[in-house]
Amino acid sequence: FSTYNMGWFRQAPGKEREFVAQLNW
């Protein structure tokens, strides 16, 4: 009930984690 958004990130070998997509509830 306290979650205001959810989304996805990804991380390839040797790279930093990066933002992919978000959904605002």
PDBML (XML) file of the C-alpha atoms, coordinates in Angstrom:
<?xml version="1.0" encoding="UTF-8" ?>
<PDBx:datablock datablockName="MODEL"
   xmlns:PDBx="http://pdbml.pdb.org/schema/pdbx-v50.xsd"
   xmlns:xsi="http://www.w3.org/2001/XMLSchema-instance"
   xsi:schemaLocation="http://pdbml.pdb.org/schema/pdbx-v50.xsd pdbx-v50.xsd">
   <PDBx:atom_siteCategory>
      <PDBx:atom_site id="1">
         <PDBx:B_iso_or_equiv>0.00</PDBx:B_iso_or_equiv>
         <PDBx:Cartn_x>0.000</PDBx:Cartn_x>
         <PDBx:Cartn_y>0.000</PDBx:Cartn_y>
         <PDBx:Cartn_z>0.000</PDBx:Cartn_z>
         <PDBx:auth_asym_id>A</PDBx:auth_asym_id>
         <PDBx:auth_atom_id>CA</PDBx:auth_atom_id>
         <PDBx:auth_comp_id>PHE</PDBx:auth_comp_id>
         <PDBx:auth_seq_id>1</PDBx:auth_seq_id>
         <PDBx:group_PDB>ATOM</PDBx:group_PDB>
         <PDBx:label_alt_id xsi:nil="true" />
         <PDBx:label_asym_id>A</PDBx:label_asym_id>
         <PDBx:label_atom_id>CA</PDBx:label_atom_id>
         <PDBx:label_comp_id>PHE</PDBx:label_comp_id>
         <PDBx:label_entity_id>1</PDBx:label_entity_id>
         <PDBx:label_seq_id>1</PDBx:label_seq_id>
         <PDBx:occupancy>1.00</PDBx:occupancy>
         <PDBx:pdbx_PDB_model_num>1</PDBx:pdbx_PDB_model_num>
         <PDBx:type_symbol>C</PDBx:type_symbol>
      </PDBx:atom_site>
      <PDBx:atom_site id="2">
         <PDBx:B_iso_or_equiv>0.00</PDBx:B_iso_or_equiv>
         <PDBx:Cartn_x>2.969</PDBx:Cartn_x>
         <PDBx:Cartn_y>2.302</PDBx:Cartn_y>
         <PDBx:Cartn_z>0.492</PDBx:Cartn_z>
         <PDBx:auth_asym_id>A</PDBx:auth_asym_id>
         <PDBx:auth_atom_id>CA</PDBx:auth_atom_id>
         <PDBx:auth_comp_id>SER</PDBx:auth_comp_id>
         <PDBx:auth_seq_id>2</PDBx:auth_seq_id>
         <PDBx:group_PDB>ATOM</PDBx:group_PDB>
         <PDBx:label_alt_id xsi:nil="true" />
         <PDBx:label_asym_id>A</PDBx:label_asym_id>
         <PDBx:label_atom_id>CA</PDBx:label_atom_id>
         <PDBx:label_comp_id>SER</PDBx:label_comp_id>
         <PDBx:label_entity_id>1</PDBx:label_entity_id>
         <PDBx:label_seq_id>2</PDBx:label_seq_id>
         <PDBx:occupancy>1.00</PDBx:occupancy>
         <PDBx:pdbx_PDB_model_num>1</PDBx:pdbx_PDB_model_num>
         <PDBx:type_symbol>C</PDBx:type_symbol>
      </PDBx:atom_site>
      <PDBx:atom_site id="3">
         <PDBx:B_iso_or_equiv>0.00</PDBx:B_iso_or_equiv>
         <PDBx:Cartn_x>4.459</PDBx:Cartn_x>
         <PDBx:Cartn_y>1.690</PDBx:Cartn_y>
         <PDBx:Cartn_z>-2.962</PDBx:Cartn_z>
         <PDBx:auth_asym_id>A</PDBx:auth_asym_id>
         <PDBx:auth_atom_id>CA</PDBx:auth_atom_id>
         <PDBx:auth_comp_id>THR</PDBx:auth_comp_id>
         <PDBx:auth_seq_id>3</PDBx:auth_seq_id>
         <PDBx:group_PDB>ATOM</PDBx:group_PDB>
         <PDBx:label_alt_id xsi:nil="true" />
         <PDBx:label_asym_id>A</PDBx:label_asym_id>
         <PDBx:label_atom_id>CA</PDBx:label_atom_id>
         <PDBx:label_comp_id>THR</PDBx:label_comp_id>
         <PDBx:label_entity_id>1</PDBx:label_entity_id>
         <PDBx:label_seq_id>3</PDBx:label_seq_id>
         <PDBx:occupancy>1.00</PDBx:occupancy>
         <PDBx:pdbx_PDB_model_num>1</PDBx:pdbx_PDB_model_num>
         <PDBx:type_symbol>C</PDBx:type_symbol>
      </PDBx:atom_site>
      <PDBx:atom_site id="4">
         <PDBx:B_iso_or_equiv>0.00</PDBx:B_iso_or_equiv>
         <PDBx:Cartn_x>4.142</PDBx:Cartn_x>
         <PDBx:Cartn_y>4.707</PDBx:Cartn_y>
         <PDBx:Cartn_z>-5.254</PDBx:Cartn_z>
         <PDBx:auth_asym_id>A</PDBx:auth_asym_id>
         <PDBx:auth_atom_id>CA</PDBx:auth_atom_id>
         <PDBx:auth_comp_id>TYR</PDBx:auth_comp_id>
         <PDBx:auth_seq_id>4</PDBx:auth_seq_id>
         <PDBx:group_PDB>ATOM</PDBx:group_PDB>
         <PDBx:label_alt_id xsi:nil="true" />
         <PDBx:label_asym_id>A</PDBx:label_asym_id>
         <PDBx:label_atom_id>CA</PDBx:label_atom_id>
         <PDBx:label_comp_id>TYR</PDBx:label_comp_id>
         <PDBx:label_entity_id>1</PDBx:label_entity_id>
         <PDBx:label_seq_id>4</PDBx:label_seq_id>
         <PDBx:occupancy>1.00</PDBx:occupancy>
         <PDBx:pdbx_PDB_model_num>1</PDBx:pdbx_PDB_model_num>
         <PDBx:type_symbol>C</PDBx:type_symbol>
      </PDBx:atom_site>
      <PDBx:atom_site id="5">
         <PDBx:B_iso_or_equiv>0.00</PDBx:B_iso_or_equiv>
         <PDBx:Cartn_x>6.020</PDBx:Cartn_x>
         <PDBx:Cartn_y>3.361</PDBx:Cartn_y>
         <PDBx:Cartn_z>-8.250</PDBx:Cartn_z>
         <PDBx:auth_asym_id>A</PDBx:auth_asym_id>
         <PDBx:auth_atom_id>CA</PDBx:auth_atom_id>
         <PDBx:auth_comp_id>ASN</PDBx:auth_comp_id>
         <PDBx:auth_seq_id>5</PDBx:auth_seq_id>
         <PDBx:group_PDB>ATOM</PDBx:group_PDB>
         <PDBx:label_alt_id xsi:nil="true" />
         <PDBx:label_asym_id>A</PDBx:label_asym_id>
         <PDBx:label_atom_id>CA</PDBx:label_atom_id>
         <PDBx:label_comp_id>ASN</PDBx:label_comp_id>
         <PDBx:label_entity_id>1</PDBx:label_entity_id>
         <PDBx:label_seq_id>5</PDBx:label_seq_id>
         <PDBx:occupancy>1.00</PDBx:occupancy>
         <PDBx:pdbx_PDB_model_num>1</PDBx:pdbx_PDB_model_num>
         <PDBx:type_symbol>C</PDBx:type_symbol>
      </PDBx:atom_site>
      <PDBx:atom_site id="6">
         <PDBx:B_iso_or_equiv>0.00</PDBx:B_iso_or_equiv>
         <PDBx:Cartn_x>7.665</PDBx:Cartn_x>
         <PDBx:Cartn_y>0.233</PDBx:Cartn_y>
         <PDBx:Cartn_z>-9.586</PDBx:Cartn_z>
         <PDBx:auth_asym_id>A</PDBx:auth_asym_id>
         <PDBx:auth_atom_id>CA</PDBx:auth_atom_id>
         <PDBx:auth_comp_id>MET</PDBx:auth_comp_id>
         <PDBx:auth_seq_id>6</PDBx:auth_seq_id>
         <PDBx:group_PDB>ATOM</PDBx:group_PDB>
         <PDBx:label_alt_id xsi:nil="true" />
         <PDBx:label_asym_id>A</PDBx:label_asym_id>
         <PDBx:label_atom_id>CA</PDBx:label_atom_id>
         <PDBx:label_comp_id>MET</PDBx:label_comp_id>
         <PDBx:label_entity_id>1</PDBx:label_entity_id>
         <PDBx:label_seq_id>6</PDBx:label_seq_id>
         <PDBx:occupancy>1.00</PDBx:occupancy>
         <PDBx:pdbx_PDB_model_num>1</PDBx:pdbx_PDB_model_num>
         <PDBx:type_symbol>C</PDBx:type_symbol>
      </PDBx:atom_site>
      <PDBx:atom_site id="7">
         <PDBx:B_iso_or_equiv>0.00</PDBx:B_iso_or_equiv>
         <PDBx:Cartn_x>10.028</PDBx:Cartn_x>
         <PDBx:Cartn_y>-0.347</PDBx:Cartn_y>
         <PDBx:Cartn_z>-12.429</PDBx:Cartn_z>
         <PDBx:auth_asym_id>A</PDBx:auth_asym_id>
         <PDBx:auth_atom_id>CA</PDBx:auth_atom_id>
         <PDBx:auth_comp_id>GLY</PDBx:auth_comp_id>
         <PDBx:auth_seq_id>7</PDBx:auth_seq_id>
         <PDBx:group_PDB>ATOM</PDBx:group_PDB>
         <PDBx:label_alt_id xsi:nil="true" />
         <PDBx:label_asym_id>A</PDBx:label_asym_id>
         <PDBx:label_atom_id>CA</PDBx:label_atom_id>
         <PDBx:label_comp_id>GLY</PDBx:label_comp_id>
         <PDBx:label_entity_id>1</PDBx:label_entity_id>
         <PDBx:label_seq_id>7</PDBx:label_seq_id>
         <PDBx:occupancy>1.00</PDBx:occupancy>
         <PDBx:pdbx_PDB_model_num>1</PDBx:pdbx_PDB_model_num>
         <PDBx:type_symbol>C</PDBx:type_symbol>
      </PDBx:atom_site>
      <PDBx:atom_site id="8">
         <PDBx:B_iso_or_equiv>0.00</PDBx:B_iso_or_equiv>
         <PDBx:Cartn_x>12.934</PDBx:Cartn_x>
         <PDBx:Cartn_y>-2.158</PDBx:Cartn_y>
         <PDBx:Cartn_z>-13.980</PDBx:Cartn_z>
         <PDBx:auth_asym_id>A</PDBx:auth_asym_id>
         <PDBx:auth_atom_id>CA</PDBx:auth_atom_id>
         <PDBx:auth_comp_id>TRP</PDBx:auth_comp_id>
         <PDBx:auth_seq_id>8</PDBx:auth_seq_id>
         <PDBx:group_PDB>ATOM</PDBx:group_PDB>
         <PDBx:label_alt_id xsi:nil="true" />
         <PDBx:label_asym_id>A</PDBx:label_asym_id>
         <PDBx:label_atom_id>CA</PDBx:label_atom_id>
         <PDBx:label_comp_id>TRP</PDBx:label_comp_id>
         <PDBx:label_entity_id>1</PDBx:label_entity_id>
         <PDBx:label_seq_id>8</PDBx:label_seq_id>
         <PDBx:occupancy>1.00</PDBx:occupancy>
         <PDBx:pdbx_PDB_model_num>1</PDBx:pdbx_PDB_model_num>
         <PDBx:type_symbol>C</PDBx:type_symbol>
      </PDBx:atom_site>
      <PDBx:atom_site id="9">
         <PDBx:B_iso_or_equiv>0.00</PDBx:B_iso_or_equiv>
         <PDBx:Cartn_x>16.686</PDBx:Cartn_x>
         <PDBx:Cartn_y>-1.739</PDBx:Cartn_y>
         <PDBx:Cartn_z>-14.031</PDBx:Cartn_z>
         <PDBx:auth_asym_id>A</PDBx:auth_asym_id>
         <PDBx:auth_atom_id>CA</PDBx:auth_atom_id>
         <PDBx:auth_comp_id>PHE</PDBx:auth_comp_id>
         <PDBx:auth_seq_id>9</PDBx:auth_seq_id>
         <PDBx:group_PDB>ATOM</PDBx:group_PDB>
         <PDBx:label_alt_id xsi:nil="true" />
         <PDBx:label_asym_id>A</PDBx:label_asym_id>
         <PDBx:label_atom_id>CA</PDBx:label_atom_id>
         <PDBx:label_comp_id>PHE</PDBx:label_comp_id>
         <PDBx:label_entity_id>1</PDBx:label_entity_id>
         <PDBx:label_seq_id>9</PDBx:label_seq_id>
         <PDBx:occupancy>1.00</PDBx:occupancy>
         <PDBx:pdbx_PDB_model_num>1</PDBx:pdbx_PDB_model_num>
         <PDBx:type_symbol>C</PDBx:type_symbol>
      </PDBx:atom_site>
      <PDBx:atom_site id="10">
         <PDBx:B_iso_or_equiv>0.00</PDBx:B_iso_or_equiv>
         <PDBx:Cartn_x>19.363</PDBx:Cartn_x>
         <PDBx:Cartn_y>-3.832</PDBx:Cartn_y>
         <PDBx:Cartn_z>-15.687</PDBx:Cartn_z>
         <PDBx:auth_asym_id>A</PDBx:auth_asym_id>
         <PDBx:auth_atom_id>CA</PDBx:auth_atom_id>
         <PDBx:auth_comp_id>ARG</PDBx:auth_comp_id>
         <PDBx:auth_seq_id>10</PDBx:auth_seq_id>
         <PDBx:group_PDB>ATOM</PDBx:group_PDB>
         <PDBx:label_alt_id xsi:nil="true" />
         <PDBx:label_asym_id>A</PDBx:label_asym_id>
         <PDBx:label_atom_id>CA</PDBx:label_atom_id>
         <PDBx:label_comp_id>ARG</PDBx:label_comp_id>
         <PDBx:label_entity_id>1</PDBx:label_entity_id>
         <PDBx:label_seq_id>10</PDBx:label_seq_id>
         <PDBx:occupancy>1.00</PDBx:occupancy>
         <PDBx:pdbx_PDB_model_num>1</PDBx:pdbx_PDB_model_num>
         <PDBx:type_symbol>C</PDBx:type_symbol>
      </PDBx:atom_site>
      <PDBx:atom_site id="11">
         <PDBx:B_iso_or_equiv>0.00</PDBx:B_iso_or_equiv>
         <PDBx:Cartn_x>23.046</PDBx:Cartn_x>
         <PDBx:Cartn_y>-4.512</PDBx:Cartn_y>
         <PDBx:Cartn_z>-15.278</PDBx:Cartn_z>
         <PDBx:auth_asym_id>A</PDBx:auth_asym_id>
         <PDBx:auth_atom_id>CA</PDBx:auth_atom_id>
         <PDBx:auth_comp_id>GLN</PDBx:auth_comp_id>
         <PDBx:auth_seq_id>11</PDBx:auth_seq_id>
         <PDBx:group_PDB>ATOM</PDBx:group_PDB>
         <PDBx:label_alt_id xsi:nil="true" />
         <PDBx:label_asym_id>A</PDBx:label_asym_id>
         <PDBx:label_atom_id>CA</PDBx:label_atom_id>
         <PDBx:label_comp_id>GLN</PDBx:label_comp_id>
         <PDBx:label_entity_id>1</PDBx:label_entity_id>
         <PDBx:label_seq_id>11</PDBx:label_seq_id>
         <PDBx:occupancy>1.00</PDBx:occupancy>
         <PDBx:pdbx_PDB_model_num>1</PDBx:pdbx_PDB_model_num>
         <PDBx:type_symbol>C</PDBx:type_symbol>
      </PDBx:atom_site>
      <PDBx:atom_site id="12">
         <PDBx:B_iso_or_equiv>0.00</PDBx:B_iso_or_equiv>
         <PDBx:Cartn_x>25.344</PDBx:Cartn_x>
         <PDBx:Cartn_y>-6.062</PDBx:Cartn_y>
         <PDBx:Cartn_z>-17.854</PDBx:Cartn_z>
         <PDBx:auth_asym_id>A</PDBx:auth_asym_id>
         <PDBx:auth_atom_id>CA</PDBx:auth_atom_id>
         <PDBx:auth_comp_id>ALA</PDBx:auth_comp_id>
         <PDBx:auth_seq_id>12</PDBx:auth_seq_id>
         <PDBx:group_PDB>ATOM</PDBx:group_PDB>
         <PDBx:label_alt_id xsi:nil="true" />
         <PDBx:label_asym_id>A</PDBx:label_asym_id>
         <PDBx:label_atom_id>CA</PDBx:label_atom_id>
         <PDBx:label_comp_id>ALA</PDBx:label_comp_id>
         <PDBx:label_entity_id>1</PDBx:label_entity_id>
         <PDBx:label_seq_id>12</PDBx:label_seq_id>
         <PDBx:occupancy>1.00</PDBx:occupancy>
         <PDBx:pdbx_PDB_model_num>1</PDBx:pdbx_PDB_model_num>
         <PDBx:type_symbol>C</PDBx:type_symbol>
      </PDBx:atom_site>
      <PDBx:atom_site id="13">
         <PDBx:B_iso_or_equiv>0.00</PDBx:B_iso_or_equiv>
         <PDBx:Cartn_x>28.745</PDBx:Cartn_x>
         <PDBx:Cartn_y>-7.544</PDBx:Cartn_y>
         <PDBx:Cartn_z>-16.952</PDBx:Cartn_z>
         <PDBx:auth_asym_id>A</PDBx:auth_asym_id>
         <PDBx:auth_atom_id>CA</PDBx:auth_atom_id>
         <PDBx:auth_comp_id>PRO</PDBx:auth_comp_id>
         <PDBx:auth_seq_id>13</PDBx:auth_seq_id>
         <PDBx:group_PDB>ATOM</PDBx:group_PDB>
         <PDBx:label_alt_id xsi:nil="true" />
         <PDBx:label_asym_id>A</PDBx:label_asym_id>
         <PDBx:label_atom_id>CA</PDBx:label_atom_id>
         <PDBx:label_comp_id>PRO</PDBx:label_comp_id>
         <PDBx:label_entity_id>1</PDBx:label_entity_id>
         <PDBx:label_seq_id>13</PDBx:label_seq_id>
         <PDBx:occupancy>1.00</PDBx:occupancy>
         <PDBx:pdbx_PDB_model_num>1</PDBx:pdbx_PDB_model_num>
         <PDBx:type_symbol>C</PDBx:type_symbol>
      </PDBx:atom_site>
      <PDBx:atom_site id="14">
         <PDBx:B_iso_or_equiv>0.00</PDBx:B_iso_or_equiv>
         <PDBx:Cartn_x>31.288</PDBx:Cartn_x>
         <PDBx:Cartn_y>-4.797</PDBx:Cartn_y>
         <PDBx:Cartn_z>-16.393</PDBx:Cartn_z>
         <PDBx:auth_asym_id>A</PDBx:auth_asym_id>
         <PDBx:auth_atom_id>CA</PDBx:auth_atom_id>
         <PDBx:auth_comp_id>GLY</PDBx:auth_comp_id>
         <PDBx:auth_seq_id>14</PDBx:auth_seq_id>
         <PDBx:group_PDB>ATOM</PDBx:group_PDB>
         <PDBx:label_alt_id xsi:nil="true" />
         <PDBx:label_asym_id>A</PDBx:label_asym_id>
         <PDBx:label_atom_id>CA</PDBx:label_atom_id>
         <PDBx:label_comp_id>GLY</PDBx:label_comp_id>
         <PDBx:label_entity_id>1</PDBx:label_entity_id>
         <PDBx:label_seq_id>14</PDBx:label_seq_id>
         <PDBx:occupancy>1.00</PDBx:occupancy>
         <PDBx:pdbx_PDB_model_num>1</PDBx:pdbx_PDB_model_num>
         <PDBx:type_symbol>C</PDBx:type_symbol>
      </PDBx:atom_site>
      <PDBx:atom_site id="15">
         <PDBx:B_iso_or_equiv>0.00</PDBx:B_iso_or_equiv>
         <PDBx:Cartn_x>28.676</PDBx:Cartn_x>
         <PDBx:Cartn_y>-2.046</PDBx:Cartn_y>
         <PDBx:Cartn_z>-16.528</PDBx:Cartn_z>
         <PDBx:auth_asym_id>A</PDBx:auth_asym_id>
         <PDBx:auth_atom_id>CA</PDBx:auth_atom_id>
         <PDBx:auth_comp_id>LYS</PDBx:auth_comp_id>
         <PDBx:auth_seq_id>15</PDBx:auth_seq_id>
         <PDBx:group_PDB>ATOM</PDBx:group_PDB>
         <PDBx:label_alt_id xsi:nil="true" />
         <PDBx:label_asym_id>A</PDBx:label_asym_id>
         <PDBx:label_atom_id>CA</PDBx:label_atom_id>
         <PDBx:label_comp_id>LYS</PDBx:label_comp_id>
         <PDBx:label_entity_id>1</PDBx:label_entity_id>
         <PDBx:label_seq_id>15</PDBx:label_seq_id>
         <PDBx:occupancy>1.00</PDBx:occupancy>
         <PDBx:pdbx_PDB_model_num>1</PDBx:pdbx_PDB_model_num>
         <PDBx:type_symbol>C</PDBx:type_symbol>
      </PDBx:atom_site>
      <PDBx:atom_site id="16">
         <PDBx:B_iso_or_equiv>0.00</PDBx:B_iso_or_equiv>
         <PDBx:Cartn_x>26.805</PDBx:Cartn_x>
         <PDBx:Cartn_y>-0.002</PDBx:Cartn_y>
         <PDBx:Cartn_z>-13.963</PDBx:Cartn_z>
         <PDBx:auth_asym_id>A</PDBx:auth_asym_id>
         <PDBx:auth_atom_id>CA</PDBx:auth_atom_id>
         <PDBx:auth_comp_id>GLU</PDBx:auth_comp_id>
         <PDBx:auth_seq_id>16</PDBx:auth_seq_id>
         <PDBx:group_PDB>ATOM</PDBx:group_PDB>
         <PDBx:label_alt_id xsi:nil="true" />
         <PDBx:label_asym_id>A</PDBx:label_asym_id>
         <PDBx:label_atom_id>CA</PDBx:label_atom_id>
         <PDBx:label_comp_id>GLU</PDBx:label_comp_id>
         <PDBx:label_entity_id>1</PDBx:label_entity_id>
         <PDBx:label_seq_id>16</PDBx:label_seq_id>
         <PDBx:occupancy>1.00</PDBx:occupancy>
         <PDBx:pdbx_PDB_model_num>1</PDBx:pdbx_PDB_model_num>
         <PDBx:type_symbol>C</PDBx:type_symbol>
      </PDBx:atom_site>
      <PDBx:atom_site id="17">
         <PDBx:B_iso_or_equiv>0.00</PDBx:B_iso_or_equiv>
         <PDBx:Cartn_x>23.194</PDBx:Cartn_x>
         <PDBx:Cartn_y>-0.708</PDBx:Cartn_y>
         <PDBx:Cartn_z>-13.196</PDBx:Cartn_z>
         <PDBx:auth_asym_id>A</PDBx:auth_asym_id>
         <PDBx:auth_atom_id>CA</PDBx:auth_atom_id>
         <PDBx:auth_comp_id>ARG</PDBx:auth_comp_id>
         <PDBx:auth_seq_id>17</PDBx:auth_seq_id>
         <PDBx:group_PDB>ATOM</PDBx:group_PDB>
         <PDBx:label_alt_id xsi:nil="true" />
         <PDBx:label_asym_id>A</PDBx:label_asym_id>
         <PDBx:label_atom_id>CA</PDBx:label_atom_id>
         <PDBx:label_comp_id>ARG</PDBx:label_comp_id>
         <PDBx:label_entity_id>1</PDBx:label_entity_id>
         <PDBx:label_seq_id>17</PDBx:label_seq_id>
         <PDBx:occupancy>1.00</PDBx:occupancy>
         <PDBx:pdbx_PDB_model_num>1</PDBx:pdbx_PDB_model_num>
         <PDBx:type_symbol>C</PDBx:type_symbol>
      </PDBx:atom_site>
      <PDBx:atom_site id="18">
         <PDBx:B_iso_or_equiv>0.00</PDBx:B_iso_or_equiv>
         <PDBx:Cartn_x>20.966</PDBx:Cartn_x>
         <PDBx:Cartn_y>1.394</PDBx:Cartn_y>
         <PDBx:Cartn_z>-15.444</PDBx:Cartn_z>
         <PDBx:auth_asym_id>A</PDBx:auth_asym_id>
         <PDBx:auth_atom_id>CA</PDBx:auth_atom_id>
         <PDBx:auth_comp_id>GLU</PDBx:auth_comp_id>
         <PDBx:auth_seq_id>18</PDBx:auth_seq_id>
         <PDBx:group_PDB>ATOM</PDBx:group_PDB>
         <PDBx:label_alt_id xsi:nil="true" />
         <PDBx:label_asym_id>A</PDBx:label_asym_id>
         <PDBx:label_atom_id>CA</PDBx:label_atom_id>
         <PDBx:label_comp_id>GLU</PDBx:label_comp_id>
         <PDBx:label_entity_id>1</PDBx:label_entity_id>
         <PDBx:label_seq_id>18</PDBx:label_seq_id>
         <PDBx:occupancy>1.00</PDBx:occupancy>
         <PDBx:pdbx_PDB_model_num>1</PDBx:pdbx_PDB_model_num>
         <PDBx:type_symbol>C</PDBx:type_symbol>
      </PDBx:atom_site>
      <PDBx:atom_site id="19">
         <PDBx:B_iso_or_equiv>0.00</PDBx:B_iso_or_equiv>
         <PDBx:Cartn_x>17.359</PDBx:Cartn_x>
         <PDBx:Cartn_y>2.481</PDBx:Cartn_y>
         <PDBx:Cartn_z>-15.441</PDBx:Cartn_z>
         <PDBx:auth_asym_id>A</PDBx:auth_asym_id>
         <PDBx:auth_atom_id>CA</PDBx:auth_atom_id>
         <PDBx:auth_comp_id>PHE</PDBx:auth_comp_id>
         <PDBx:auth_seq_id>19</PDBx:auth_seq_id>
         <PDBx:group_PDB>ATOM</PDBx:group_PDB>
         <PDBx:label_alt_id xsi:nil="true" />
         <PDBx:label_asym_id>A</PDBx:label_asym_id>
         <PDBx:label_atom_id>CA</PDBx:label_atom_id>
         <PDBx:label_comp_id>PHE</PDBx:label_comp_id>
         <PDBx:label_entity_id>1</PDBx:label_entity_id>
         <PDBx:label_seq_id>19</PDBx:label_seq_id>
         <PDBx:occupancy>1.00</PDBx:occupancy>
         <PDBx:pdbx_PDB_model_num>1</PDBx:pdbx_PDB_model_num>
         <PDBx:type_symbol>C</PDBx:type_symbol>
      </PDBx:atom_site>
      <PDBx:atom_site id="20">
         <PDBx:B_iso_or_equiv>0.00</PDBx:B_iso_or_equiv>
         <PDBx:Cartn_x>15.016</PDBx:Cartn_x>
         <PDBx:Cartn_y>0.817</PDBx:Cartn_y>
         <PDBx:Cartn_z>-17.941</PDBx:Cartn_z>
         <PDBx:auth_asym_id>A</PDBx:auth_asym_id>
         <PDBx:auth_atom_id>CA</PDBx:auth_atom_id>
         <PDBx:auth_comp_id>VAL</PDBx:auth_comp_id>
         <PDBx:auth_seq_id>20</PDBx:auth_seq_id>
         <PDBx:group_PDB>ATOM</PDBx:group_PDB>
         <PDBx:label_alt_id xsi:nil="true" />
         <PDBx:label_asym_id>A</PDBx:label_asym_id>
         <PDBx:label_atom_id>CA</PDBx:label_atom_id>
         <PDBx:label_comp_id>VAL</PDBx:label_comp_id>
         <PDBx:label_entity_id>1</PDBx:label_entity_id>
         <PDBx:label_seq_id>20</PDBx:label_seq_id>
         <PDBx:occupancy>1.00</PDBx:occupancy>
         <PDBx:pdbx_PDB_model_num>1</PDBx:pdbx_PDB_model_num>
         <PDBx:type_symbol>C</PDBx:type_symbol>
      </PDBx:atom_site>
      <PDBx:atom_site id="21">
         <PDBx:B_iso_or_equiv>0.00</PDBx:B_iso_or_equiv>
         <PDBx:Cartn_x>11.383</PDBx:Cartn_x>
         <PDBx:Cartn_y>1.711</PDBx:Cartn_y>
         <PDBx:Cartn_z>-17.235</PDBx:Cartn_z>
         <PDBx:auth_asym_id>A</PDBx:auth_asym_id>
         <PDBx:auth_atom_id>CA</PDBx:auth_atom_id>
         <PDBx:auth_comp_id>ALA</PDBx:auth_comp_id>
         <PDBx:auth_seq_id>21</PDBx:auth_seq_id>
         <PDBx:group_PDB>ATOM</PDBx:group_PDB>
         <PDBx:label_alt_id xsi:nil="true" />
         <PDBx:label_asym_id>A</PDBx:label_asym_id>
         <PDBx:label_atom_id>CA</PDBx:label_atom_id>
         <PDBx:label_comp_id>ALA</PDBx:label_comp_id>
         <PDBx:label_entity_id>1</PDBx:label_entity_id>
         <PDBx:label_seq_id>21</PDBx:label_seq_id>
         <PDBx:occupancy>1.00</PDBx:occupancy>
         <PDBx:pdbx_PDB_model_num>1</PDBx:pdbx_PDB_model_num>
         <PDBx:type_symbol>C</PDBx:type_symbol>
      </PDBx:atom_site>
      <PDBx:atom_site id="22">
         <PDBx:B_iso_or_equiv>0.00</PDBx:B_iso_or_equiv>
         <PDBx:Cartn_x>9.018</PDBx:Cartn_x>
         <PDBx:Cartn_y>2.862</PDBx:Cartn_y>
         <PDBx:Cartn_z>-14.507</PDBx:Cartn_z>
         <PDBx:auth_asym_id>A</PDBx:auth_asym_id>
         <PDBx:auth_atom_id>CA</PDBx:auth_atom_id>
         <PDBx:auth_comp_id>GLN</PDBx:auth_comp_id>
         <PDBx:auth_seq_id>22</PDBx:auth_seq_id>
         <PDBx:group_PDB>ATOM</PDBx:group_PDB>
         <PDBx:label_alt_id xsi:nil="true" />
         <PDBx:label_asym_id>A</PDBx:label_asym_id>
         <PDBx:label_atom_id>CA</PDBx:label_atom_id>
         <PDBx:label_comp_id>GLN</PDBx:label_comp_id>
         <PDBx:label_entity_id>1</PDBx:label_entity_id>
         <PDBx:label_seq_id>22</PDBx:label_seq_id>
         <PDBx:occupancy>1.00</PDBx:occupancy>
         <PDBx:pdbx_PDB_model_num>1</PDBx:pdbx_PDB_model_num>
         <PDBx:type_symbol>C</PDBx:type_symbol>
      </PDBx:atom_site>
      <PDBx:atom_site id="23">
         <PDBx:B_iso_or_equiv>0.00</PDBx:B_iso_or_equiv>
         <PDBx:Cartn_x>5.302</PDBx:Cartn_x>
         <PDBx:Cartn_y>2.811</PDBx:Cartn_y>
         <PDBx:Cartn_z>-13.773</PDBx:Cartn_z>
         <PDBx:auth_asym_id>A</PDBx:auth_asym_id>
         <PDBx:auth_atom_id>CA</PDBx:auth_atom_id>
         <PDBx:auth_comp_id>LEU</PDBx:auth_comp_id>
         <PDBx:auth_seq_id>23</PDBx:auth_seq_id>
         <PDBx:group_PDB>ATOM</PDBx:group_PDB>
         <PDBx:label_alt_id xsi:nil="true" />
         <PDBx:label_asym_id>A</PDBx:label_asym_id>
         <PDBx:label_atom_id>CA</PDBx:label_atom_id>
         <PDBx:label_comp_id>LEU</PDBx:label_comp_id>
         <PDBx:label_entity_id>1</PDBx:label_entity_id>
         <PDBx:label_seq_id>23</PDBx:label_seq_id>
         <PDBx:occupancy>1.00</PDBx:occupancy>
         <PDBx:pdbx_PDB_model_num>1</PDBx:pdbx_PDB_model_num>
         <PDBx:type_symbol>C</PDBx:type_symbol>
      </PDBx:atom_site>
      <PDBx:atom_site id="24">
         <PDBx:B_iso_or_equiv>0.00</PDBx:B_iso_or_equiv>
         <PDBx:Cartn_x>3.664</PDBx:Cartn_x>
         <PDBx:Cartn_y>5.324</PDBx:Cartn_y>
         <PDBx:Cartn_z>-11.449</PDBx:Cartn_z>
         <PDBx:auth_asym_id>A</PDBx:auth_asym_id>
         <PDBx:auth_atom_id>CA</PDBx:auth_atom_id>
         <PDBx:auth_comp_id>ASN</PDBx:auth_comp_id>
         <PDBx:auth_seq_id>24</PDBx:auth_seq_id>
         <PDBx:group_PDB>ATOM</PDBx:group_PDB>
         <PDBx:label_alt_id xsi:nil="true" />
         <PDBx:label_asym_id>A</PDBx:label_asym_id>
         <PDBx:label_atom_id>CA</PDBx:label_atom_id>
         <PDBx:label_comp_id>ASN</PDBx:label_comp_id>
         <PDBx:label_entity_id>1</PDBx:label_entity_id>
         <PDBx:label_seq_id>24</PDBx:label_seq_id>
         <PDBx:occupancy>1.00</PDBx:occupancy>
         <PDBx:pdbx_PDB_model_num>1</PDBx:pdbx_PDB_model_num>
         <PDBx:type_symbol>C</PDBx:type_symbol>
      </PDBx:atom_site>
      <PDBx:atom_site id="25">
         <PDBx:B_iso_or_equiv>0.00</PDBx:B_iso_or_equiv>
         <PDBx:Cartn_x>0.707</PDBx:Cartn_x>
         <PDBx:Cartn_y>3.745</PDBx:Cartn_y>
         <PDBx:Cartn_z>-9.699</PDBx:Cartn_z>
         <PDBx:auth_asym_id>A</PDBx:auth_asym_id>
         <PDBx:auth_atom_id>CA</PDBx:auth_atom_id>
         <PDBx:auth_comp_id>TRP</PDBx:auth_comp_id>
         <PDBx:auth_seq_id>25</PDBx:auth_seq_id>
         <PDBx:group_PDB>ATOM</PDBx:group_PDB>
         <PDBx:label_alt_id xsi:nil="true" />
         <PDBx:label_asym_id>A</PDBx:label_asym_id>
         <PDBx:label_atom_id>CA</PDBx:label_atom_id>
         <PDBx:label_comp_id>TRP</PDBx:label_comp_id>
         <PDBx:label_entity_id>1</PDBx:label_entity_id>
         <PDBx:label_seq_id>25</PDBx:label_seq_id>
         <PDBx:occupancy>1.00</PDBx:occupancy>
         <PDBx:pdbx_PDB_model_num>1</PDBx:pdbx_PDB_model_num>
         <PDBx:type_symbol>C</PDBx:type_symbol>
      </PDBx:atom_site>
   </PDBx:atom_siteCategory>
</PDBx:datablock>
